[in-house]
Amino acid sequence: MAILTAIAREGFPFLLKRIDPKIKEEIEKLQLYIEQTAKQEKIRKKNFPNAIIVEDYKVIENDQRTED
């Protein structure tokens, strides 16, 4: 019964943690990363409310045109 409540509470990651300890570590790292990025996003929004978000920024090389 305790396993079923843990699965209901945590979902699929609980099963993976029980199967492989390396997967458990990776899941914990991912959860920590998600928490940290959420905190950073909250701080960024607080400090810079009017900031422009640039998600897909690509540097394109300048055209090299030859002179005649």
N, C-alpha and C. Protein backbone atom coordinates (compact mmCIF):
# COMPACT_ATOMS: atom_id res chain seq x y z
N MET A 1 0.82 -1.20 0.00
CA MET A 1 0.00 0.00 0.00
C MET A 1 0.87 1.26 0.00
N ALA A 2 1.97 1.21 0.73
CA ALA A 2 2.86 2.37 0.79
C ALA A 2 3.47 2.65 -0.57
N ILE A 3 3.77 1.60 -1.32
CA ILE A 3 4.34 1.78 -2.65
C ILE A 3 3.32 2.44 -3.57
N LEU A 4 2.07 2.04 -3.48
CA LEU A 4 1.04 2.63 -4.32
C LEU A 4 0.84 4.11 -4.01
N THR A 5 0.88 4.48 -2.73
CA THR A 5 0.73 5.89 -2.38
C THR A 5 1.93 6.69 -2.85
N ALA A 6 3.13 6.10 -2.78
CA ALA A 6 4.33 6.79 -3.27
C ALA A 6 4.26 6.99 -4.77
N ILE A 7 3.77 5.97 -5.49
CA ILE A 7 3.63 6.10 -6.95
C ILE A 7 2.60 7.16 -7.27
N ALA A 8 1.50 7.18 -6.53
CA ALA A 8 0.46 8.19 -6.76
C ALA A 8 0.97 9.59 -6.47
N ARG A 9 1.84 9.70 -5.46
CA ARG A 9 2.36 11.01 -5.08
C ARG A 9 3.46 11.47 -6.03
N GLU A 10 4.43 10.61 -6.30
CA GLU A 10 5.59 11.00 -7.09
C GLU A 10 5.47 10.63 -8.56
N GLY A 11 4.64 9.67 -8.88
CA GLY A 11 4.48 9.28 -10.27
C GLY A 11 5.55 8.30 -10.72
N PHE A 12 5.82 8.30 -12.01
CA PHE A 12 6.73 7.34 -12.64
C PHE A 12 8.16 7.41 -12.11
N PRO A 13 8.71 8.59 -11.74
CA PRO A 13 10.08 8.61 -11.23
C PRO A 13 10.30 7.70 -10.02
N PHE A 14 9.26 7.48 -9.23
CA PHE A 14 9.40 6.59 -8.07
C PHE A 14 9.79 5.18 -8.52
N LEU A 15 9.15 4.69 -9.57
CA LEU A 15 9.47 3.36 -10.08
C LEU A 15 10.90 3.29 -10.58
N LEU A 16 11.34 4.33 -11.28
CA LEU A 16 12.71 4.35 -11.80
C LEU A 16 13.73 4.38 -10.67
N LYS A 17 13.41 5.10 -9.60
CA LYS A 17 14.32 5.14 -8.45
C LYS A 17 14.47 3.76 -7.83
N ARG A 18 13.40 3.01 -7.81
CA ARG A 18 13.44 1.66 -7.22
C ARG A 18 14.22 0.69 -8.10
N ILE A 19 14.24 0.94 -9.41
CA ILE A 19 14.87 0.01 -10.33
C ILE A 19 16.39 0.20 -10.38
N ASP A 20 16.86 1.43 -10.56
CA ASP A 20 18.28 1.67 -10.79
C ASP A 20 18.76 2.88 -9.99
N PRO A 21 19.79 2.73 -9.15
CA PRO A 21 20.27 3.87 -8.36
C PRO A 21 20.86 4.99 -9.21
N LYS A 22 21.45 4.67 -10.37
CA LYS A 22 22.00 5.72 -11.24
C LYS A 22 20.88 6.59 -11.79
N ILE A 23 19.77 5.95 -12.14
CA ILE A 23 18.63 6.72 -12.63
C ILE A 23 18.10 7.60 -11.51
N LYS A 24 18.14 7.10 -10.29
CA LYS A 24 17.70 7.89 -9.13
C LYS A 24 18.54 9.16 -9.03
N GLU A 25 19.85 9.03 -9.17
CA GLU A 25 20.74 10.20 -9.10
C GLU A 25 20.43 11.18 -10.22
N GLU A 26 20.21 10.67 -11.43
CA GLU A 26 19.91 11.55 -12.56
C GLU A 26 18.59 12.28 -12.36
N ILE A 27 17.59 11.59 -11.82
CA ILE A 27 16.30 12.22 -11.56
C ILE A 27 16.45 13.31 -10.51
N GLU A 28 17.23 13.04 -9.46
CA GLU A 28 17.44 14.04 -8.42
C GLU A 28 18.18 15.25 -8.98
N LYS A 29 19.17 15.03 -9.85
CA LYS A 29 19.88 16.14 -10.49
C LYS A 29 18.93 16.97 -11.34
N LEU A 30 18.07 16.29 -12.10
CA LEU A 30 17.11 16.99 -12.95
C LEU A 30 16.13 17.80 -12.11
N GLN A 31 15.64 17.22 -11.02
CA GLN A 31 14.71 17.94 -10.16
C GLN A 31 15.39 19.15 -9.53
N LEU A 32 16.64 19.01 -9.11
CA LEU A 32 17.39 20.13 -8.55
C LEU A 32 17.59 21.22 -9.59
N TYR A 33 17.92 20.82 -10.83
CA TYR A 33 18.10 21.78 -11.91
C TYR A 33 16.80 22.55 -12.18
N ILE A 34 15.68 21.84 -12.19
CA ILE A 34 14.39 22.48 -12.44
C ILE A 34 14.08 23.49 -11.33
N GLU A 35 14.35 23.12 -10.08
CA GLU A 35 14.13 24.03 -8.96
C GLU A 35 15.02 25.26 -9.07
N GLN A 36 16.30 25.06 -9.41
CA GLN A 36 17.23 26.18 -9.51
C GLN A 36 16.85 27.12 -10.63
N THR A 37 16.46 26.58 -11.79
CA THR A 37 16.07 27.45 -12.89
C THR A 37 14.79 28.21 -12.56
N ALA A 38 13.88 27.59 -11.83
CA ALA A 38 12.66 28.29 -11.42
C ALA A 38 13.00 29.45 -10.48
N LYS A 39 13.93 29.22 -9.55
CA LYS A 39 14.35 30.29 -8.64
C LYS A 39 15.03 31.42 -9.41
N GLN A 40 15.91 31.05 -10.36
CA GLN A 40 16.60 32.06 -11.15
C GLN A 40 15.62 32.87 -11.99
N GLU A 41 14.62 32.20 -12.55
CA GLU A 41 13.61 32.89 -13.36
C GLU A 41 12.80 33.86 -12.49
N LYS A 42 12.48 33.44 -11.28
CA LYS A 42 11.72 34.30 -10.37
C LYS A 42 12.54 35.55 -10.01
N ILE A 43 13.83 35.35 -9.72
CA ILE A 43 14.71 36.48 -9.39
C ILE A 43 14.87 37.39 -10.59
N ARG A 44 15.03 36.80 -11.78
CA ARG A 44 15.20 37.60 -12.99
C ARG A 44 13.96 38.45 -13.25
N LYS A 45 12.79 37.87 -13.09
CA LYS A 45 11.55 38.62 -13.32
C LYS A 45 11.39 39.73 -12.29
N LYS A 46 11.85 39.48 -11.06
CA LYS A 46 11.75 40.50 -10.02
C LYS A 46 12.70 41.66 -10.30
N ASN A 47 13.94 41.34 -10.69
CA ASN A 47 14.95 42.38 -10.90
C ASN A 47 14.80 43.09 -12.24
N PHE A 48 14.36 42.37 -13.26
CA PHE A 48 14.24 42.93 -14.60
C PHE A 48 12.85 42.65 -15.17
N PRO A 49 11.83 43.36 -14.70
CA PRO A 49 10.46 43.05 -15.14
C PRO A 49 10.20 43.36 -16.61
N ASN A 50 10.95 44.29 -17.19
CA ASN A 50 10.71 44.69 -18.58
C ASN A 50 11.73 44.10 -19.54
N ALA A 51 12.43 43.07 -19.12
CA ALA A 51 13.48 42.48 -19.95
C ALA A 51 12.89 41.73 -21.14
N ILE A 52 13.63 41.76 -22.24
CA ILE A 52 13.23 41.03 -23.44
C ILE A 52 13.87 39.65 -23.38
N ILE A 53 13.07 38.62 -23.56
CA ILE A 53 13.58 37.25 -23.51
C ILE A 53 14.04 36.84 -24.90
N VAL A 54 15.31 36.46 -25.00
CA VAL A 54 15.86 36.01 -26.27
C VAL A 54 16.16 34.52 -26.13
N GLU A 55 15.29 33.68 -26.69
CA GLU A 55 15.46 32.24 -26.53
C GLU A 55 16.27 31.63 -27.67
N ASP A 56 15.90 31.95 -28.89
CA ASP A 56 16.55 31.34 -30.05
C ASP A 56 17.40 32.39 -30.75
N TYR A 57 18.56 32.67 -30.19
CA TYR A 57 19.45 33.67 -30.77
C TYR A 57 20.52 32.94 -31.55
N LYS A 58 20.63 33.27 -32.82
CA LYS A 58 21.63 32.63 -33.67
C LYS A 58 22.50 33.69 -34.31
N VAL A 59 23.79 33.41 -34.36
CA VAL A 59 24.72 34.32 -35.01
C VAL A 59 24.87 33.86 -36.46
N ILE A 60 24.62 34.77 -37.36
CA ILE A 60 24.73 34.47 -38.79
C ILE A 60 25.95 35.22 -39.31
N GLU A 61 26.76 34.53 -40.08
CA GLU A 61 27.97 35.15 -40.61
C GLU A 61 27.60 36.24 -41.61
N ASN A 62 28.44 37.27 -41.65
CA ASN A 62 28.22 38.34 -42.62
C ASN A 62 28.53 37.84 -44.03
N ASP A 63 27.82 38.39 -44.99
CA ASP A 63 28.08 38.00 -46.38
C ASP A 63 29.44 38.54 -46.80
N GLN A 64 30.26 37.70 -47.37
CA GLN A 64 31.56 38.11 -47.88
C GLN A 64 31.41 38.37 -49.38
N ARG A 65 31.20 39.61 -49.73
CA ARG A 65 31.00 39.95 -51.14
C ARG A 65 32.31 40.46 -51.72
N THR A 66 32.61 40.01 -52.90
CA THR A 66 33.84 40.45 -53.56
C THR A 66 33.56 41.72 -54.34
N GLU A 67 34.55 42.59 -54.37
CA GLU A 67 34.41 43.84 -55.13
C GLU A 67 34.94 43.63 -56.53
N ASP A 68 34.23 44.16 -57.52
CA ASP A 68 34.67 44.05 -58.92
C ASP A 68 35.57 45.18 -59.30
